[in-house]
Amino acid sequence: MNIVILSRNPKLYSTSRLVEACKKRGHDPHVFDTLKFSIFVEGGNPTLHYNTRPFDDPDAVIPRIGASITMYGTAVVRQFEQMGVFCLTASHAITVSRDKLRSIQIMSRHRIGLPKTAFVRMKSAVLPAITEVGGAPVVIKLLEGTQGIGVILADQTKIAEAIIETLQSTRQNVLIQSFVKESRGRDIRAFVVGGKVVAAMRRTASDGEFRANVHRGASAEGIKLEPDYEHAALQAAQIMGLRVAGVDMLESKDGPLILEVNSSPGLFGIETATGVDVAGEIVKHIEEEVLFPEVDIRQRLTLHSGYGVSEIPVTPTSPMVGKALRQIGLREKDILVLSIMRGSVTLPNPRGDDQVMSGDTLVCFGKLLALRGLLPPTPQKRVKRKTTAKTK
């Protein structure tokens, strides 16, 4: 296969390892500087030029998009997608994972462990937010920070308040996050490729440092993940829509807490610590998936007027509870159940004899009018009556 690797520096460890792994498996890899592409948009004919010359479609693209060029880099990846080229990492997934707030907002909808986090702008809301996440010490994070840069541990409430106000005065967006004391100075990185964890390591910060980033001098050792940590890593990558991801987790007394999901995780630390050929695993996955480029399923299924995709929650009082799909008769209503989400488990392409349970969420495609009839009634909000004190 002709494989394009988008990278600004072909000498980087991760880039060179991917080139090596591609060649080892008989492919023809080439590294291209992301910023040297030109995007041309025309109805029915999306194209790219490289160094002002027309660029031929490759078989696959491996995006290695740095944080500083996220906007332009994702635009280039998106153009490849519109050209029908398989991209290992989808442009949408890169954009979402790079936004710390957006990514944890999306994950918060699911039953997955997260450190308690707040995002505020009003000066008067800073102190209540610190209290709400558990009080000092708290972790303060710049939304745009990477590799531990822009992450500050504030031991006292007044110090945290002063740091946040100072950063906000320079128009920086910051997150306020609870500090997990039992995991101080260490975390876990799980490397997910194609729906499985291929390698994992525990990182321990250097003396006097609470950030466990290899770039900041942390040590790393290969580990075998406990089932709950492996499940959390796979779920996080799936929620973000990432085929390849570096999932960072804290070891809390309540189990795994997802810190961050990286769309362009480095290979040096994980391969050095574990001895696993992660680059080779990535290329193997491309071989398996290259015939199936990214499809915006919601967009494709809603092009026909009156049809759409919707998530239908199943409440305890729903008439669907305890019945098999074929008994409910959704197909007769022109509704197709694409998947059933049950807690942290997803049942894809369910069969007619699969049973619907209370608490399930049905992902359905069909006529919007029919789908609306499946939605549970919206509970009426109670209106508080205003009372006035009687005067004597």
Protein backbone atom coordinates (compact mmCIF):
# COMPACT_ATOMS: atom_id res chain seq x y z
CA MET A 1 0.00 0.00 0.00
CA ASN A 2 0.98 3.60 -0.57
CA ILE A 3 0.79 5.06 2.94
CA VAL A 4 1.04 8.78 3.69
CA ILE A 5 2.31 9.82 7.12
CA LEU A 6 1.41 13.42 7.99
CA SER A 7 4.26 14.75 10.13
CA ARG A 8 6.26 17.96 10.26
CA ASN A 9 9.46 16.13 11.16
CA PRO A 10 10.41 12.77 9.58
CA LYS A 11 13.20 12.34 12.16
CA LEU A 12 10.86 12.16 15.13
CA TYR A 13 10.92 8.77 16.87
CA SER A 14 7.22 8.05 16.30
CA THR A 15 7.34 9.05 12.63
CA SER A 16 10.49 7.05 11.86
CA ARG A 17 9.12 3.99 13.66
CA LEU A 18 5.93 4.12 11.60
CA VAL A 19 7.99 4.35 8.40
CA GLU A 20 10.07 1.37 9.55
CA ALA A 21 6.99 -0.70 10.45
CA CYS A 22 5.33 0.05 7.09
CA LYS A 23 8.43 -1.04 5.15
CA LYS A 24 8.81 -4.15 7.28
CA ARG A 25 5.31 -5.24 6.28
CA GLY A 26 5.91 -4.56 2.58
CA HIS A 27 4.27 -1.17 2.20
CA ASP A 28 5.46 2.07 0.59
CA PRO A 29 5.39 4.85 3.22
CA HIS A 30 6.10 8.54 2.60
CA VAL A 31 6.27 11.39 5.10
CA PHE A 32 4.65 14.69 4.09
CA ASP A 33 4.69 18.01 5.93
CA THR A 34 1.06 18.78 6.83
CA LEU A 35 1.43 22.53 6.32
CA LYS A 36 2.69 22.13 2.74
CA PHE A 37 -0.69 20.85 1.55
CA SER A 38 -3.15 23.16 -0.20
CA ILE A 39 -6.87 22.42 0.02
CA PHE A 40 -9.18 22.97 -2.95
CA VAL A 41 -12.92 22.67 -2.48
CA GLU A 42 -15.22 22.20 -5.46
CA GLY A 43 -18.59 20.51 -5.75
CA GLY A 44 -18.07 16.80 -6.38
CA ASN A 45 -14.29 17.17 -6.67
CA PRO A 46 -12.36 17.72 -3.41
CA THR A 47 -8.60 17.79 -4.13
CA LEU A 48 -5.25 18.44 -2.47
CA HIS A 49 -2.01 19.91 -3.78
CA TYR A 50 1.41 19.41 -2.19
CA ASN A 51 4.04 22.09 -2.76
CA THR A 52 1.59 23.59 -5.31
CA ARG A 53 1.39 20.35 -7.33
CA PRO A 54 -1.64 18.02 -7.60
CA PHE A 55 -1.46 15.20 -5.05
CA ASP A 56 -2.43 11.63 -6.02
CA ASP A 57 -4.73 9.72 -3.68
CA PRO A 58 -2.82 7.35 -1.35
CA ASP A 59 -4.25 4.09 0.00
CA ALA A 60 -4.12 5.24 3.62
CA VAL A 61 -3.16 8.22 5.79
CA ILE A 62 -1.60 8.17 9.25
CA PRO A 63 -2.12 11.64 10.80
CA ARG A 64 0.50 12.81 13.30
CA ILE A 65 -0.96 16.26 13.92
CA GLY A 66 0.84 18.44 16.45
CA ALA A 67 -1.21 20.51 18.88
CA SER A 68 0.09 23.79 17.44
CA ILE A 69 -1.39 23.03 13.98
CA THR A 70 -4.61 21.30 15.03
CA MET A 71 -6.92 23.53 12.97
CA TYR A 72 -5.02 23.28 9.69
CA GLY A 73 -3.99 19.68 10.29
CA THR A 74 -7.55 18.50 10.84
CA ALA A 75 -8.63 20.40 7.71
CA VAL A 76 -6.09 18.43 5.67
CA VAL A 77 -7.23 15.13 7.22
CA ARG A 78 -10.85 16.09 6.57
CA GLN A 79 -10.02 16.73 2.91
CA PHE A 80 -8.50 13.26 2.59
CA GLU A 81 -11.70 11.87 4.13
CA GLN A 82 -13.85 13.70 1.57
CA MET A 83 -11.65 12.23 -1.16
CA GLY A 84 -12.56 8.75 0.11
CA VAL A 85 -9.10 7.98 1.50
CA PHE A 86 -8.82 5.85 4.65
CA CYS A 87 -7.50 7.97 7.54
CA LEU A 88 -6.32 6.11 10.62
CA THR A 89 -7.57 8.92 12.86
CA ALA A 90 -10.71 10.83 11.90
CA SER A 91 -10.52 14.61 11.73
CA HIS A 92 -13.52 14.97 14.05
CA ALA A 93 -11.92 12.69 16.66
CA ILE A 94 -8.70 14.74 16.61
CA THR A 95 -10.64 17.97 17.12
CA VAL A 96 -12.69 16.59 20.01
CA SER A 97 -9.77 14.94 21.82
CA ARG A 98 -7.66 18.12 21.62
CA ASP A 99 -10.30 20.11 23.49
CA LYS A 100 -9.93 19.04 27.14
CA LEU A 101 -13.29 20.46 28.19
CA ARG A 102 -15.24 19.14 25.22
CA SER A 103 -13.76 15.66 25.57
CA ILE A 104 -14.64 15.28 29.25
CA GLN A 105 -18.09 16.74 28.59
CA ILE A 106 -18.68 14.02 25.99
CA MET A 107 -17.34 11.28 28.29
CA SER A 108 -19.42 12.54 31.22
CA ARG A 109 -22.55 11.32 29.48
CA HIS A 110 -21.29 7.76 29.87
CA ARG A 111 -20.65 5.61 32.92
CA ILE A 112 -16.92 6.15 33.04
CA GLY A 113 -14.69 7.40 35.85
CA LEU A 114 -13.60 11.05 35.61
CA PRO A 115 -11.96 13.44 38.09
CA LYS A 116 -14.51 16.01 39.24
CA THR A 117 -14.00 19.08 37.03
CA ALA A 118 -15.30 22.63 36.83
CA PHE A 119 -15.10 25.37 34.19
CA VAL A 120 -16.08 28.91 35.14
CA ARG A 121 -15.55 32.45 33.89
CA MET A 122 -17.05 34.71 36.56
CA LYS A 123 -14.64 35.77 39.30
CA SER A 124 -17.36 35.18 41.88
CA ALA A 125 -17.76 31.56 40.69
CA VAL A 126 -14.11 30.53 41.20
CA LEU A 127 -14.26 29.89 44.95
CA PRO A 128 -17.56 27.92 44.82
CA ALA A 129 -16.11 25.84 41.96
CA ILE A 130 -13.01 24.95 44.00
CA THR A 131 -15.28 23.89 46.86
CA GLU A 132 -17.52 21.89 44.51
CA VAL A 133 -14.65 19.75 43.17
CA GLY A 134 -13.54 18.90 46.71
CA GLY A 135 -11.49 21.87 47.83
CA ALA A 136 -7.75 22.38 47.90
CA PRO A 137 -5.47 20.95 46.77
CA VAL A 138 -6.81 21.26 43.22
CA VAL A 139 -5.28 20.85 39.78
CA ILE A 140 -5.53 23.82 37.42
CA LYS A 141 -5.21 23.05 33.70
CA LEU A 142 -4.93 25.24 30.64
CA LEU A 143 -7.32 23.95 27.98
CA GLU A 144 -4.61 24.22 25.32
CA GLY A 145 -1.76 22.63 27.33
CA THR A 146 0.07 19.44 26.26
CA GLN A 147 2.75 17.15 27.72
CA GLY A 148 2.15 18.49 31.23
CA ILE A 149 2.63 22.14 30.21
CA GLY A 150 0.00 24.40 31.76
CA VAL A 151 -0.86 21.97 34.59
CA ILE A 152 -0.51 23.45 38.09
CA LEU A 153 -1.10 21.95 41.53
CA ALA A 154 -2.44 24.49 44.03
CA ASP A 155 -2.21 23.31 47.64
CA GLN A 156 -4.31 26.11 49.14
CA THR A 157 -7.63 27.63 48.16
CA LYS A 158 -6.34 31.21 48.16
CA ILE A 159 -3.38 30.25 45.98
CA ALA A 160 -5.69 28.38 43.55
CA GLU A 161 -8.02 31.37 43.41
CA ALA A 162 -5.12 33.75 42.67
CA ILE A 163 -3.67 31.48 39.94
CA ILE A 164 -7.03 31.10 38.20
CA GLU A 165 -7.79 34.82 38.30
CA THR A 166 -4.31 35.63 36.95
CA LEU A 167 -4.66 33.16 34.07
CA GLN A 168 -8.16 34.36 33.25
CA SER A 169 -6.95 37.96 33.21
CA THR A 170 -4.65 36.97 30.33
CA ARG A 171 -7.66 35.44 28.52
CA GLN A 172 -6.60 31.86 29.23
CA ASN A 173 -9.30 29.21 29.61
CA VAL A 174 -8.68 26.96 32.61
CA LEU A 175 -10.19 23.85 34.14
CA ILE A 176 -10.40 23.28 37.88
CA GLN A 177 -10.02 19.60 38.71
CA SER A 178 -10.05 17.55 41.88
CA PHE A 179 -6.66 16.27 43.04
CA VAL A 180 -6.49 12.48 43.50
CA LYS A 181 -4.08 12.21 46.42
CA GLU A 182 -3.56 8.46 46.24
CA SER A 183 -2.33 8.78 42.65
CA ARG A 184 0.03 11.71 43.27
CA GLY A 185 2.99 11.64 40.89
CA ARG A 186 1.91 8.62 38.88
CA ASP A 187 -0.54 7.60 36.20
CA ILE A 188 -1.19 4.87 33.64
CA ARG A 189 -0.95 5.17 29.86
CA ALA A 190 -2.86 2.50 27.92
CA PHE A 191 -2.19 2.32 24.19
CA VAL A 192 -5.31 1.31 22.28
CA VAL A 193 -5.17 0.07 18.68
CA GLY A 194 -8.25 -1.19 16.87
CA GLY A 195 -10.39 -1.87 19.92
CA LYS A 196 -7.75 -3.59 22.05
CA VAL A 197 -5.04 -2.51 24.47
CA VAL A 198 -1.74 -3.51 22.86
CA ALA A 199 0.54 -2.08 25.57
CA ALA A 200 0.36 -0.27 28.90
CA MET A 201 2.79 1.45 31.24
CA ARG A 202 2.81 3.12 34.63
CA ARG A 203 4.58 6.48 34.72
CA THR A 204 6.12 7.84 37.93
CA ALA A 205 7.11 11.48 38.27
CA SER A 206 10.60 12.58 39.21
CA ASP A 207 11.27 13.86 42.74
CA GLY A 208 9.39 17.04 43.57
CA GLU A 209 7.15 16.73 40.51
CA PHE A 210 3.47 15.67 40.48
CA ARG A 211 3.11 15.43 36.67
CA ALA A 212 3.95 11.96 35.38
CA ASN A 213 5.01 12.94 31.85
CA VAL A 214 7.99 11.21 30.24
CA HIS A 215 8.86 14.57 28.62
CA ARG A 216 9.24 15.97 32.14
CA GLY A 217 11.61 13.26 33.34
CA ALA A 218 9.12 10.67 34.60
CA SER A 219 10.18 7.01 34.65
CA ALA A 220 8.02 4.33 33.02
CA GLU A 221 7.53 0.60 33.44
CA GLY A 222 5.47 -1.83 31.40
CA ILE A 223 2.45 -3.31 33.17
CA LYS A 224 -0.48 -5.64 32.55
CA LEU A 225 -3.73 -3.80 33.08
CA GLU A 226 -6.39 -4.95 35.49
CA PRO A 227 -9.69 -5.71 33.68
CA ASP A 228 -11.44 -2.56 34.93
CA TYR A 229 -8.59 -0.34 33.71
CA GLU A 230 -8.49 -2.10 30.35
CA HIS A 231 -12.25 -1.70 29.97
CA ALA A 232 -12.07 2.00 30.87
CA ALA A 233 -9.33 2.62 28.30
CA LEU A 234 -11.24 0.86 25.53
CA GLN A 235 -14.46 2.67 26.40
CA ALA A 236 -12.75 6.08 26.42
CA ALA A 237 -11.17 5.47 23.00
CA GLN A 238 -14.51 4.29 21.63
CA ILE A 239 -16.37 7.33 22.97
CA MET A 240 -13.80 9.63 21.34
CA GLY A 241 -14.09 7.72 18.05
CA LEU A 242 -10.37 6.89 17.99
CA ARG A 243 -8.95 3.75 16.38
CA VAL A 244 -5.55 4.58 17.90
CA ALA A 245 -5.35 6.35 21.26
CA GLY A 246 -3.17 6.90 24.27
CA VAL A 247 -5.51 6.84 27.26
CA ASP A 248 -4.16 8.38 30.46
CA MET A 249 -5.72 7.20 33.73
CA LEU A 250 -5.33 7.86 37.43
CA GLU A 251 -5.39 5.03 39.96
CA SER A 252 -7.97 6.18 42.50
CA LYS A 253 -9.46 4.34 45.46
CA ASP A 254 -12.68 4.12 43.42
CA GLY A 255 -11.02 2.65 40.32
CA PRO A 256 -9.74 4.16 37.07
CA LEU A 257 -10.29 7.86 36.36
CA ILE A 258 -9.78 9.06 32.78
CA LEU A 259 -7.42 12.04 32.62
CA GLU A 260 -7.06 12.48 28.89
CA VAL A 261 -7.44 10.65 25.58
CA ASN A 262 -4.63 11.44 23.11
CA SER A 263 -5.22 11.19 19.37
CA SER A 264 -1.51 11.32 18.41
CA PRO A 265 0.21 9.45 21.25
CA GLY A 266 3.98 9.18 21.12
CA LEU A 267 5.60 5.78 20.63
CA PHE A 268 8.96 6.26 22.36
CA GLY A 269 7.84 5.93 25.97
CA ILE A 270 5.44 3.02 25.44
CA GLU A 271 7.76 0.99 23.19
CA THR A 272 10.78 1.57 25.43
CA ALA A 273 8.92 0.65 28.61
CA THR A 274 7.09 -2.42 27.27
CA GLY A 275 9.19 -3.73 24.37
CA VAL A 276 5.99 -4.03 22.32
CA ASP A 277 6.16 -3.20 18.61
CA VAL A 278 3.31 -0.69 18.81
CA ALA A 279 4.13 0.78 15.38
CA GLY A 280 3.75 -2.69 13.89
CA GLU A 281 0.37 -3.12 15.60
CA ILE A 282 -0.79 0.17 14.08
CA VAL A 283 0.21 -0.89 10.55
CA LYS A 284 -1.49 -4.28 11.02
CA HIS A 285 -4.68 -2.47 11.97
CA ILE A 286 -4.48 -0.29 8.85
CA GLU A 287 -4.23 -3.45 6.72
CA GLU A 288 -7.44 -4.73 8.31
CA GLU A 289 -9.38 -1.47 8.04
CA VAL A 290 -8.16 0.23 4.86
CA LEU A 291 -11.19 -0.85 2.81
CA PHE A 292 -13.49 0.93 5.26
CA PRO A 293 -12.82 4.70 5.32
CA GLU A 294 -14.58 6.91 7.86
CA VAL A 295 -18.29 7.48 7.19
CA ASP A 296 -20.39 10.15 8.86
CA ILE A 297 -23.26 7.77 9.56
CA ARG A 298 -25.64 10.40 10.96
CA GLN A 299 -25.09 12.63 7.91
CA ARG A 300 -25.58 9.79 5.42
CA LEU A 301 -28.71 8.45 7.10
CA THR A 302 -30.45 11.83 7.44
CA LEU A 303 -30.07 13.02 3.85
CA HIS A 304 -33.61 11.81 3.08
CA SER A 305 -36.20 14.25 4.35
CA GLY A 306 -38.20 13.00 7.33
CA TYR A 307 -35.64 10.36 8.41
CA GLY A 308 -33.01 10.57 11.10
CA VAL A 309 -30.97 8.88 13.80
CA SER A 310 -32.02 9.16 17.44
CA GLU A 311 -31.20 7.71 20.85
CA ILE A 312 -34.28 6.34 22.61
CA PRO A 313 -33.92 5.89 26.40
CA VAL A 314 -35.84 2.95 27.85
CA THR A 315 -37.45 3.94 31.15
CA PRO A 316 -38.72 1.44 33.76
CA THR A 317 -42.31 2.18 32.70
CA SER A 318 -41.67 1.74 28.97
CA PRO A 319 -43.85 -0.91 27.27
CA MET A 320 -40.68 -2.19 25.57
CA VAL A 321 -39.11 -3.45 28.83
CA GLY A 322 -38.68 -7.23 28.92
CA LYS A 323 -39.67 -7.75 25.28
CA ALA A 324 -37.61 -9.06 22.37
CA LEU A 325 -37.07 -6.57 19.53
CA ARG A 326 -39.27 -8.59 17.17
CA GLN A 327 -42.13 -8.44 19.68
CA ILE A 328 -42.02 -4.64 19.77
CA GLY A 329 -42.66 -4.40 16.03
CA LEU A 330 -40.31 -1.53 15.25
CA ARG A 331 -39.60 -2.72 11.72
CA GLU A 332 -43.30 -2.43 10.93
CA LYS A 333 -43.03 1.22 11.99
CA ASP A 334 -40.10 1.72 9.60
CA ILE A 335 -37.60 1.89 12.48
CA LEU A 336 -34.28 0.04 12.48
CA VAL A 337 -32.36 -0.49 15.76
CA LEU A 338 -28.67 0.06 14.97
CA SER A 339 -27.37 -0.76 18.45
CA ILE A 340 -28.36 -1.12 22.08
CA MET A 341 -26.31 0.73 24.70
CA ARG A 342 -26.51 -1.07 28.03
CA GLY A 343 -24.44 0.64 30.69
CA SER A 344 -20.84 0.54 29.49
CA VAL A 345 -21.59 -2.20 26.93
CA THR A 346 -22.76 -1.64 23.35
CA LEU A 347 -24.64 -4.38 21.48
CA PRO A 348 -24.15 -3.64 17.76
CA ASN A 349 -26.61 -4.76 15.11
CA PRO A 350 -28.98 -6.46 17.58
CA ARG A 351 -31.11 -9.40 16.45
CA GLY A 352 -34.83 -9.86 16.73
CA ASP A 353 -34.55 -12.11 19.79
CA ASP A 354 -32.39 -9.62 21.75
CA GLN A 355 -34.32 -8.42 24.77
CA VAL A 356 -34.80 -4.76 25.71
CA MET A 357 -34.12 -3.92 29.36
CA SER A 358 -34.89 -0.96 31.58
CA GLY A 359 -32.03 1.53 31.41
CA ASP A 360 -31.10 0.62 27.83
CA THR A 361 -30.64 3.24 25.15
CA LEU A 362 -31.70 2.24 21.64
CA VAL A 363 -29.84 3.90 18.77
CA CYS A 364 -32.44 3.94 16.01
CA PHE A 365 -32.80 5.03 12.39
CA GLY A 366 -36.19 5.70 10.90
CA LYS A 367 -38.97 8.17 10.33
CA LEU A 368 -38.67 11.06 12.78
CA LEU A 369 -42.41 11.03 13.40
CA ALA A 370 -42.29 7.36 14.41
CA LEU A 371 -39.13 7.88 16.49
CA ARG A 372 -40.82 10.71 18.36
CA GLY A 373 -43.52 8.28 19.45
CA LEU A 374 -40.92 6.12 21.22
CA LEU A 375 -39.55 8.93 23.38
CA PRO A 376 -40.63 8.80 27.04
CA PRO A 377 -42.88 11.65 28.20
CA THR A 378 -41.01 14.66 29.52
CA PRO A 379 -41.65 15.05 33.25
CA GLN A 380 -43.47 18.23 34.16
CA LYS A 381 -41.41 20.64 36.20
CA ARG A 382 -43.04 21.71 39.42
CA VAL A 383 -43.50 25.44 39.66
CA LYS A 384 -42.68 26.85 43.07
CA ARG A 385 -45.31 29.21 44.33
CA LYS A 386 -44.13 32.53 45.61
CA THR A 387 -45.20 33.22 49.14
CA THR A 388 -45.35 36.57 50.80
CA ALA A 389 -44.97 37.06 54.50
CA LYS A 390 -48.08 38.33 56.22
CA THR A 391 -47.67 41.55 58.06
CA LYS A 392 -49.42 42.07 61.29
